[in-house]
N, C-alpha and C. Protein backbone atom coordinates (compact mmCIF):
# COMPACT_ATOMS: atom_id res chain seq x y z
N MET A 1 11.86 -1.83 4.07
CA MET A 1 11.01 -0.70 4.52
C MET A 1 10.03 -0.74 3.59
N LYS A 2 8.89 0.26 3.55
CA LYS A 2 7.62 0.19 2.90
C LYS A 2 7.28 1.60 3.11
N GLU A 3 6.97 2.04 1.72
CA GLU A 3 6.36 3.33 1.39
C GLU A 3 5.02 3.32 0.84
N VAL A 4 3.87 3.86 0.97
CA VAL A 4 2.72 4.15 0.26
C VAL A 4 2.48 5.64 -0.02
N GLN A 5 2.07 5.51 -1.37
CA GLN A 5 2.36 6.91 -1.73
C GLN A 5 1.00 7.14 -2.71
N PHE A 6 0.00 8.02 -2.09
CA PHE A 6 -1.17 8.11 -3.11
C PHE A 6 -1.23 9.61 -3.50
N GLN A 7 -0.24 10.29 -3.29
CA GLN A 7 0.12 11.86 -3.70
C GLN A 7 1.15 11.81 -4.52
N LYS A 8 0.98 12.75 -5.74
CA LYS A 8 2.51 12.71 -6.32
C LYS A 8 3.31 13.40 -5.61
N ASP A 9 4.64 12.75 -5.21
CA ASP A 9 5.83 13.40 -4.66
C ASP A 9 7.01 13.13 -5.77
N SER A 10 7.49 14.23 -6.34
CA SER A 10 8.88 14.17 -6.91
C SER A 10 10.02 13.58 -6.41
N LYS A 11 10.01 13.65 -5.20
CA LYS A 11 10.99 13.56 -4.21
C LYS A 11 10.94 12.16 -3.34
N ILE A 12 9.93 11.43 -3.80
CA ILE A 12 9.59 10.33 -2.98
C ILE A 12 10.86 9.17 -2.70
N TYR A 13 11.33 9.16 -3.91
CA TYR A 13 12.47 7.99 -3.86
C TYR A 13 13.66 8.44 -3.33
N LEU A 14 14.10 10.06 -3.48
CA LEU A 14 15.10 10.60 -2.70
C LEU A 14 15.03 10.56 -1.25
N ARG A 15 13.79 10.53 -0.86
CA ARG A 15 13.59 10.60 0.77
C ARG A 15 13.62 8.86 1.31
N LEU A 16 13.01 8.26 0.35
CA LEU A 16 12.97 6.91 0.83
C LEU A 16 14.68 6.01 0.86
N PHE A 17 15.35 6.24 -0.26
CA PHE A 17 16.67 5.63 -0.22
C PHE A 17 17.57 6.72 0.87
N SER A 18 17.06 8.00 1.26
CA SER A 18 17.99 8.49 2.03
C SER A 18 17.75 8.14 3.55
N GLU A 19 16.42 7.52 4.07
CA GLU A 19 16.01 6.95 5.11
C GLU A 19 16.70 5.75 5.32
N ILE A 20 16.55 4.77 4.25
CA ILE A 20 17.28 3.47 4.27
C ILE A 20 18.75 3.63 4.58
N PHE A 21 19.50 4.54 3.73
CA PHE A 21 20.92 4.43 3.92
C PHE A 21 21.22 5.34 5.32
N THR A 22 20.49 6.10 5.86
CA THR A 22 20.64 6.73 7.02
C THR A 22 20.53 5.71 8.13
N TYR A 23 19.58 4.80 7.94
CA TYR A 23 19.18 3.69 9.00
C TYR A 23 20.59 2.65 8.85
N LEU A 24 20.97 2.33 7.70
CA LEU A 24 22.18 1.40 7.48
C LEU A 24 23.34 1.95 8.03
N ARG A 25 23.58 3.37 8.07
CA ARG A 25 24.63 3.82 8.53
C ARG A 25 24.75 4.05 10.18
N ASP A 26 23.56 4.29 10.71
CA ASP A 26 23.16 4.39 12.12
C ASP A 26 23.33 2.96 12.76
N ASN A 27 22.87 1.94 12.18
CA ASN A 27 22.47 0.77 12.98
C ASN A 27 23.35 -0.57 12.50
N GLU A 28 23.99 -0.46 11.13
CA GLU A 28 24.84 -1.24 10.84
C GLU A 28 24.31 -3.04 10.87
N PRO A 29 23.41 -3.03 10.23
CA PRO A 29 22.43 -4.17 10.38
C PRO A 29 23.20 -5.52 9.37
N ASP A 30 23.10 -6.47 9.90
CA ASP A 30 23.68 -7.51 9.17
C ASP A 30 22.94 -8.12 7.94
N LEU A 31 21.77 -7.53 7.94
CA LEU A 31 20.59 -8.09 6.96
C LEU A 31 20.58 -7.23 5.63
N ARG A 32 20.46 -7.76 4.50
CA ARG A 32 20.43 -7.17 3.35
C ARG A 32 19.11 -6.36 3.48
N TRP A 33 19.13 -5.18 3.16
CA TRP A 33 17.73 -4.04 3.01
C TRP A 33 17.01 -4.51 1.70
N ARG A 34 15.81 -4.26 2.03
CA ARG A 34 14.82 -4.21 0.90
C ARG A 34 13.68 -2.98 0.92
N ALA A 35 13.26 -2.68 -0.05
CA ALA A 35 12.00 -1.61 0.08
C ALA A 35 10.94 -1.98 -1.18
N MET A 36 9.88 -1.69 -0.69
CA MET A 36 8.53 -1.86 -1.28
C MET A 36 7.91 -0.34 -1.41
N ILE A 37 7.62 -0.02 -2.67
CA ILE A 37 6.92 1.29 -2.61
C ILE A 37 5.63 1.11 -3.25
N ILE A 38 4.49 1.42 -2.59
CA ILE A 38 3.17 0.91 -3.37
C ILE A 38 2.61 2.37 -3.73
N PHE A 39 1.99 2.55 -4.74
CA PHE A 39 1.62 3.60 -5.52
C PHE A 39 0.10 3.30 -6.07
N LYS A 40 -0.43 4.32 -5.91
CA LYS A 40 -1.92 4.16 -6.19
C LYS A 40 -2.15 3.89 -7.73
N SER A 41 -1.17 4.32 -8.40
CA SER A 41 -1.05 4.23 -10.04
C SER A 41 0.06 4.68 -10.56
N ARG A 42 0.43 4.19 -11.72
CA ARG A 42 1.70 4.89 -12.20
C ARG A 42 1.86 6.19 -12.33
N SER A 43 0.82 6.76 -12.80
CA SER A 43 0.65 8.38 -12.78
C SER A 43 1.37 8.99 -11.51
N MET A 44 1.18 8.33 -10.44
CA MET A 44 1.73 8.97 -8.95
C MET A 44 3.37 8.88 -9.05
N GLU A 45 4.08 7.88 -9.84
CA GLU A 45 5.38 7.94 -9.76
C GLU A 45 6.19 9.08 -10.07
N PRO A 46 7.13 9.28 -9.89
CA PRO A 46 8.22 10.42 -10.24
C PRO A 46 8.50 10.18 -11.67
N THR A 47 8.47 11.22 -12.73
CA THR A 47 8.69 11.44 -14.17
C THR A 47 10.12 10.46 -14.09
N GLU A 48 10.47 9.94 -15.35
CA GLU A 48 11.62 9.49 -15.48
C GLU A 48 12.90 10.17 -15.32
N ARG A 49 12.61 11.52 -15.66
CA ARG A 49 13.87 12.32 -15.23
C ARG A 49 13.83 12.53 -13.73
N GLN A 50 12.93 12.83 -13.13
CA GLN A 50 12.98 12.84 -11.64
C GLN A 50 13.67 11.58 -11.03
N ARG A 51 13.68 10.40 -11.49
CA ARG A 51 14.23 9.19 -11.11
C ARG A 51 15.36 8.93 -11.50
N GLU A 52 15.83 9.55 -12.70
CA GLU A 52 17.00 9.30 -13.15
C GLU A 52 18.35 8.99 -12.11
N SER A 53 18.40 9.85 -11.13
CA SER A 53 19.60 9.52 -10.10
C SER A 53 19.40 8.35 -9.16
N VAL A 54 18.35 7.90 -9.18
CA VAL A 54 18.03 6.43 -8.37
C VAL A 54 17.69 5.24 -9.53
N GLN A 55 17.64 5.54 -10.65
CA GLN A 55 17.19 4.44 -11.42
C GLN A 55 17.86 3.06 -11.15
N PRO A 56 19.37 3.27 -11.05
CA PRO A 56 19.94 1.82 -10.80
C PRO A 56 19.41 1.10 -9.80
N LEU A 57 19.35 1.75 -8.65
CA LEU A 57 18.44 1.34 -7.19
C LEU A 57 17.19 0.64 -7.39
N LEU A 58 16.32 1.36 -8.38
CA LEU A 58 15.23 0.97 -8.64
C LEU A 58 15.05 -0.15 -9.54
N ASP A 59 16.10 -0.41 -10.33
CA ASP A 59 16.19 -1.31 -11.19
C ASP A 59 16.84 -2.68 -10.74
N SER A 60 17.23 -2.69 -9.66
CA SER A 60 17.83 -3.81 -8.78
C SER A 60 16.87 -4.45 -8.15
N PRO A 61 17.16 -5.80 -7.62
CA PRO A 61 16.28 -6.82 -6.87
C PRO A 61 15.80 -6.50 -5.56
N LEU A 62 16.29 -5.34 -5.16
CA LEU A 62 16.23 -4.91 -3.87
C LEU A 62 14.96 -3.96 -3.65
N VAL A 63 14.46 -3.42 -4.77
CA VAL A 63 13.35 -2.65 -4.64
C VAL A 63 12.02 -3.02 -5.63
N LYS A 64 11.02 -3.06 -4.86
CA LYS A 64 9.78 -3.47 -5.74
C LYS A 64 8.82 -2.45 -5.68
N ARG A 65 8.24 -2.19 -6.88
CA ARG A 65 7.15 -0.71 -7.10
C ARG A 65 5.94 -1.65 -7.25
N ILE A 66 4.93 -1.25 -6.68
CA ILE A 66 3.28 -1.84 -6.74
C ILE A 66 2.51 -0.80 -7.17
N TYR A 67 1.86 -1.09 -8.24
CA TYR A 67 0.91 -0.18 -8.62
C TYR A 67 -0.51 -0.65 -8.35
N LEU A 68 -1.41 -0.26 -7.34
CA LEU A 68 -2.60 -1.01 -6.69
C LEU A 68 -3.68 -0.99 -7.71
N ASN A 69 -3.69 -0.08 -8.78
CA ASN A 69 -4.78 -0.16 -9.70
C ASN A 69 -4.37 -1.28 -11.00
N GLU A 70 -3.25 -1.76 -10.84
CA GLU A 70 -2.77 -2.86 -11.72
C GLU A 70 -2.95 -4.14 -10.99
N LEU A 71 -3.06 -4.25 -9.71
CA LEU A 71 -3.39 -5.75 -9.15
C LEU A 71 -4.43 -6.31 -9.38
N GLU A 72 -4.39 -7.56 -9.76
CA GLU A 72 -5.44 -8.73 -9.97
C GLU A 72 -5.77 -9.33 -8.48
N VAL A 73 -6.69 -8.99 -8.06
CA VAL A 73 -6.96 -9.44 -6.68
C VAL A 73 -8.13 -10.58 -6.82
N SER A 74 -7.72 -11.81 -6.04
CA SER A 74 -8.22 -12.85 -5.96
C SER A 74 -8.33 -13.44 -4.25
N GLU A 75 -9.07 -14.51 -4.23
CA GLU A 75 -9.26 -15.09 -2.88
C GLU A 75 -8.03 -15.21 -2.25
N THR A 76 -6.90 -15.53 -3.15
CA THR A 76 -5.51 -16.04 -2.46
C THR A 76 -4.64 -14.67 -2.29
N THR A 77 -4.96 -13.68 -2.74
CA THR A 77 -4.27 -12.47 -2.55
C THR A 77 -3.98 -12.10 -1.22
N PRO A 78 -2.99 -11.94 -0.38
CA PRO A 78 -3.03 -11.58 0.82
C PRO A 78 -3.87 -10.53 1.27
N LEU A 79 -4.29 -10.86 2.46
CA LEU A 79 -5.70 -9.91 3.32
C LEU A 79 -5.18 -8.40 3.10
N GLY A 80 -3.78 -8.25 3.72
CA GLY A 80 -3.44 -6.77 3.58
C GLY A 80 -3.47 -6.02 2.26
N VAL A 81 -3.01 -6.86 1.39
CA VAL A 81 -3.03 -6.31 0.00
C VAL A 81 -4.50 -6.08 -0.61
N GLN A 82 -5.42 -6.90 -0.26
CA GLN A 82 -6.68 -6.84 -0.45
C GLN A 82 -7.22 -5.47 0.28
N ILE A 83 -7.12 -4.96 1.42
CA ILE A 83 -7.48 -3.94 2.26
C ILE A 83 -6.90 -2.95 1.64
N VAL A 84 -5.70 -2.81 1.29
CA VAL A 84 -5.05 -1.44 0.86
C VAL A 84 -5.39 -1.31 -0.67
N GLN A 85 -5.85 -2.32 -1.46
CA GLN A 85 -6.35 -2.16 -2.84
C GLN A 85 -8.00 -1.61 -2.80
N LEU A 86 -8.41 -1.59 -1.66
CA LEU A 86 -9.92 -1.40 -1.73
C LEU A 86 -9.85 0.54 -1.89
N VAL A 87 -8.91 1.24 -1.67
CA VAL A 87 -8.59 2.33 -1.72
C VAL A 87 -8.79 2.83 -3.22
N VAL A 88 -8.26 1.99 -4.30
CA VAL A 88 -8.22 2.46 -5.72
C VAL A 88 -9.69 1.60 -6.39
N ALA A 89 -10.07 0.80 -5.61
CA ALA A 89 -11.26 -0.12 -6.25
C ALA A 89 -12.47 0.79 -6.86
N ARG A 90 -13.06 0.28 -7.84
CA ARG A 90 -14.05 1.06 -8.65
C ARG A 90 -15.23 1.08 -7.45
N LYS A 91 -16.48 2.05 -7.75
CA LYS A 91 -17.40 1.97 -6.87
C LYS A 91 -18.10 0.54 -6.70
N LYS A 92 -18.19 0.12 -8.19
CA LYS A 92 -18.93 -1.08 -8.39
C LYS A 92 -18.48 -2.44 -7.58
N GLN A 93 -17.23 -2.31 -7.57
CA GLN A 93 -16.71 -3.58 -6.78
C GLN A 93 -16.37 -3.41 -5.50
N PHE A 94 -16.37 -2.12 -5.18
CA PHE A 94 -15.94 -1.80 -3.66
C PHE A 94 -16.76 -2.15 -2.55
N LEU A 95 -18.10 -2.07 -2.63
CA LEU A 95 -19.01 -2.64 -1.65
C LEU A 95 -19.17 -4.25 -1.38
N GLU A 96 -18.77 -4.68 -2.92
CA GLU A 96 -18.81 -6.31 -2.91
C GLU A 96 -17.35 -6.80 -1.89
N ARG A 97 -16.22 -6.22 -2.44
CA ARG A 97 -15.20 -6.47 -1.82
C ARG A 97 -14.99 -6.28 -0.36
N VAL A 98 -15.74 -5.25 0.14
CA VAL A 98 -15.59 -4.90 1.51
C VAL A 98 -16.35 -5.85 2.14
N THR A 99 -17.61 -6.33 1.44
CA THR A 99 -18.25 -7.49 2.22
C THR A 99 -17.84 -8.50 2.52
N VAL A 100 -16.86 -8.91 1.30
CA VAL A 100 -16.16 -10.19 1.46
C VAL A 100 -14.99 -10.19 2.51
N LEU A 101 -14.35 -9.01 2.37
CA LEU A 101 -13.28 -8.95 3.40
C LEU A 101 -14.06 -8.95 4.99
N ILE A 102 -15.12 -8.28 5.21
CA ILE A 102 -15.45 -8.20 6.64
C ILE A 102 -15.74 -9.50 6.82
N ASN A 103 -16.41 -10.27 6.10
CA ASN A 103 -16.82 -11.84 6.54
C ASN A 103 -15.51 -12.70 6.47
N ARG A 104 -14.50 -12.42 5.66
CA ARG A 104 -13.25 -13.13 5.80
C ARG A 104 -12.54 -12.78 7.29
N VAL A 105 -12.65 -11.50 7.29
CA VAL A 105 -11.89 -11.31 9.03
C VAL A 105 -12.63 -11.70 10.10
N LYS A 106 -14.00 -11.66 10.05
CA LYS A 106 -14.51 -12.43 11.09
C LYS A 106 -14.44 -13.81 10.99
N GLN A 107 -14.43 -14.62 10.13
CA GLN A 107 -14.21 -16.09 10.14
C GLN A 107 -12.90 -16.35 10.30
N GLN A 108 -11.83 -15.65 9.91
CA GLN A 108 -10.41 -16.14 9.80
C GLN A 108 -9.61 -15.80 10.97
N PHE A 109 -9.99 -14.45 11.85
CA PHE A 109 -9.49 -14.05 12.79
C PHE A 109 -10.20 -14.41 14.13
N THR A 110 -9.56 -15.30 15.06
CA THR A 110 -10.24 -15.42 16.19
C THR A 110 -9.81 -14.57 17.47
N GLU A 111 -8.54 -13.99 17.51
CA GLU A 111 -8.11 -12.97 18.39
C GLU A 111 -8.88 -11.80 18.14
N GLU A 112 -9.87 -11.39 19.29
CA GLU A 112 -10.79 -10.55 19.19
C GLU A 112 -9.98 -8.91 19.04
N ASN A 113 -8.96 -8.62 19.57
CA ASN A 113 -8.43 -7.32 19.57
C ASN A 113 -8.09 -7.21 18.05
N TYR A 114 -7.19 -8.04 17.47
CA TYR A 114 -6.84 -8.18 16.09
C TYR A 114 -7.94 -7.74 15.33
N ARG A 115 -8.95 -8.76 15.31
CA ARG A 115 -9.96 -8.86 14.61
C ARG A 115 -10.89 -7.51 14.49
N LEU A 116 -11.16 -6.74 15.79
CA LEU A 116 -11.82 -5.58 15.72
C LEU A 116 -10.76 -4.44 15.27
N GLN A 117 -9.58 -4.59 15.13
CA GLN A 117 -8.54 -3.66 14.64
C GLN A 117 -8.86 -3.73 13.21
N LEU A 118 -9.07 -4.77 12.35
CA LEU A 118 -8.98 -5.03 11.23
C LEU A 118 -10.44 -4.36 10.83
N LEU A 119 -11.49 -4.78 11.46
CA LEU A 119 -12.70 -4.34 11.20
C LEU A 119 -12.89 -2.70 11.09
N ASN A 120 -12.14 -2.32 12.04
CA ASN A 120 -12.31 -0.78 12.34
C ASN A 120 -11.44 -0.15 11.15
N LEU A 121 -10.34 -0.92 10.63
CA LEU A 121 -9.72 -0.21 9.67
C LEU A 121 -10.55 -0.27 8.16
N LEU A 122 -11.26 -1.32 8.15
CA LEU A 122 -12.32 -1.41 6.87
C LEU A 122 -13.37 -0.50 7.13
N SER A 123 -13.90 -0.26 8.41
CA SER A 123 -14.94 0.87 8.13
C SER A 123 -14.35 2.40 7.86
N VAL A 124 -13.05 2.61 8.53
CA VAL A 124 -12.38 3.77 8.20
C VAL A 124 -12.54 3.84 6.61
N ILE A 125 -12.23 3.20 6.10
CA ILE A 125 -11.80 3.09 4.51
C ILE A 125 -13.11 3.19 3.87
N VAL A 126 -14.32 2.46 4.31
CA VAL A 126 -15.49 2.62 3.69
C VAL A 126 -16.09 4.16 4.00
N ILE A 127 -15.82 4.64 5.18
CA ILE A 127 -16.50 6.01 5.73
C ILE A 127 -15.73 7.00 4.42
N GLU A 128 -14.33 6.73 4.50
CA GLU A 128 -13.40 7.75 3.40
C GLU A 128 -14.01 7.53 2.17
N LYS A 129 -14.32 6.50 1.64
CA LYS A 129 -14.69 6.28 0.37
C LYS A 129 -15.83 6.67 -0.21
N LEU A 130 -16.96 6.58 0.86
CA LEU A 130 -18.43 6.90 0.59
C LEU A 130 -18.66 8.45 -0.03
N PRO A 131 -19.47 8.29 -0.99
CA PRO A 131 -19.85 9.94 -1.61
C PRO A 131 -20.13 10.69 -0.40
N LEU A 132 -20.05 11.93 -0.44
CA LEU A 132 -20.72 12.84 0.79
C LEU A 132 -21.82 12.72 1.11
N SER A 133 -22.88 12.78 -0.13
CA SER A 133 -24.34 12.71 0.09
C SER A 133 -24.54 11.43 0.96
N LEU A 134 -23.98 10.49 0.89
CA LEU A 134 -24.10 9.34 1.94
C LEU A 134 -23.65 9.37 3.32
N LYS A 135 -22.90 10.41 3.42
CA LYS A 135 -22.02 10.55 4.79
C LYS A 135 -23.11 11.24 5.83
N THR A 136 -23.86 12.18 5.24
CA THR A 136 -24.65 13.09 5.99
C THR A 136 -26.24 12.36 6.09
């Protein structure tokens, strides 16, 4: 299960684990579960007190927490991570990274429908990230 969190939510972990265990109860899967929570930054994570009841789960190898503003992006970073990381990229790096990703998508993906979906996603991120003065 994956969860992306860009707004502060003190109950994010309670909801996430509730959904996981409800799924396990209803489906009885044979595979071991895993969870990944992607935060914009550490400041978006619940406080130590708020996560106290689920801390043993958070400390287990089954759960991975990622903070986008702490990721080091390189050419070998998976495309999906690079796209999501654009959301927290600084203005100075943003346009350069978008240009690199657009070129990468155009070169790397030959299936037109998938390529267009990725380019559309990038354009939505650009539109949302642009200052209001540039949008009008």
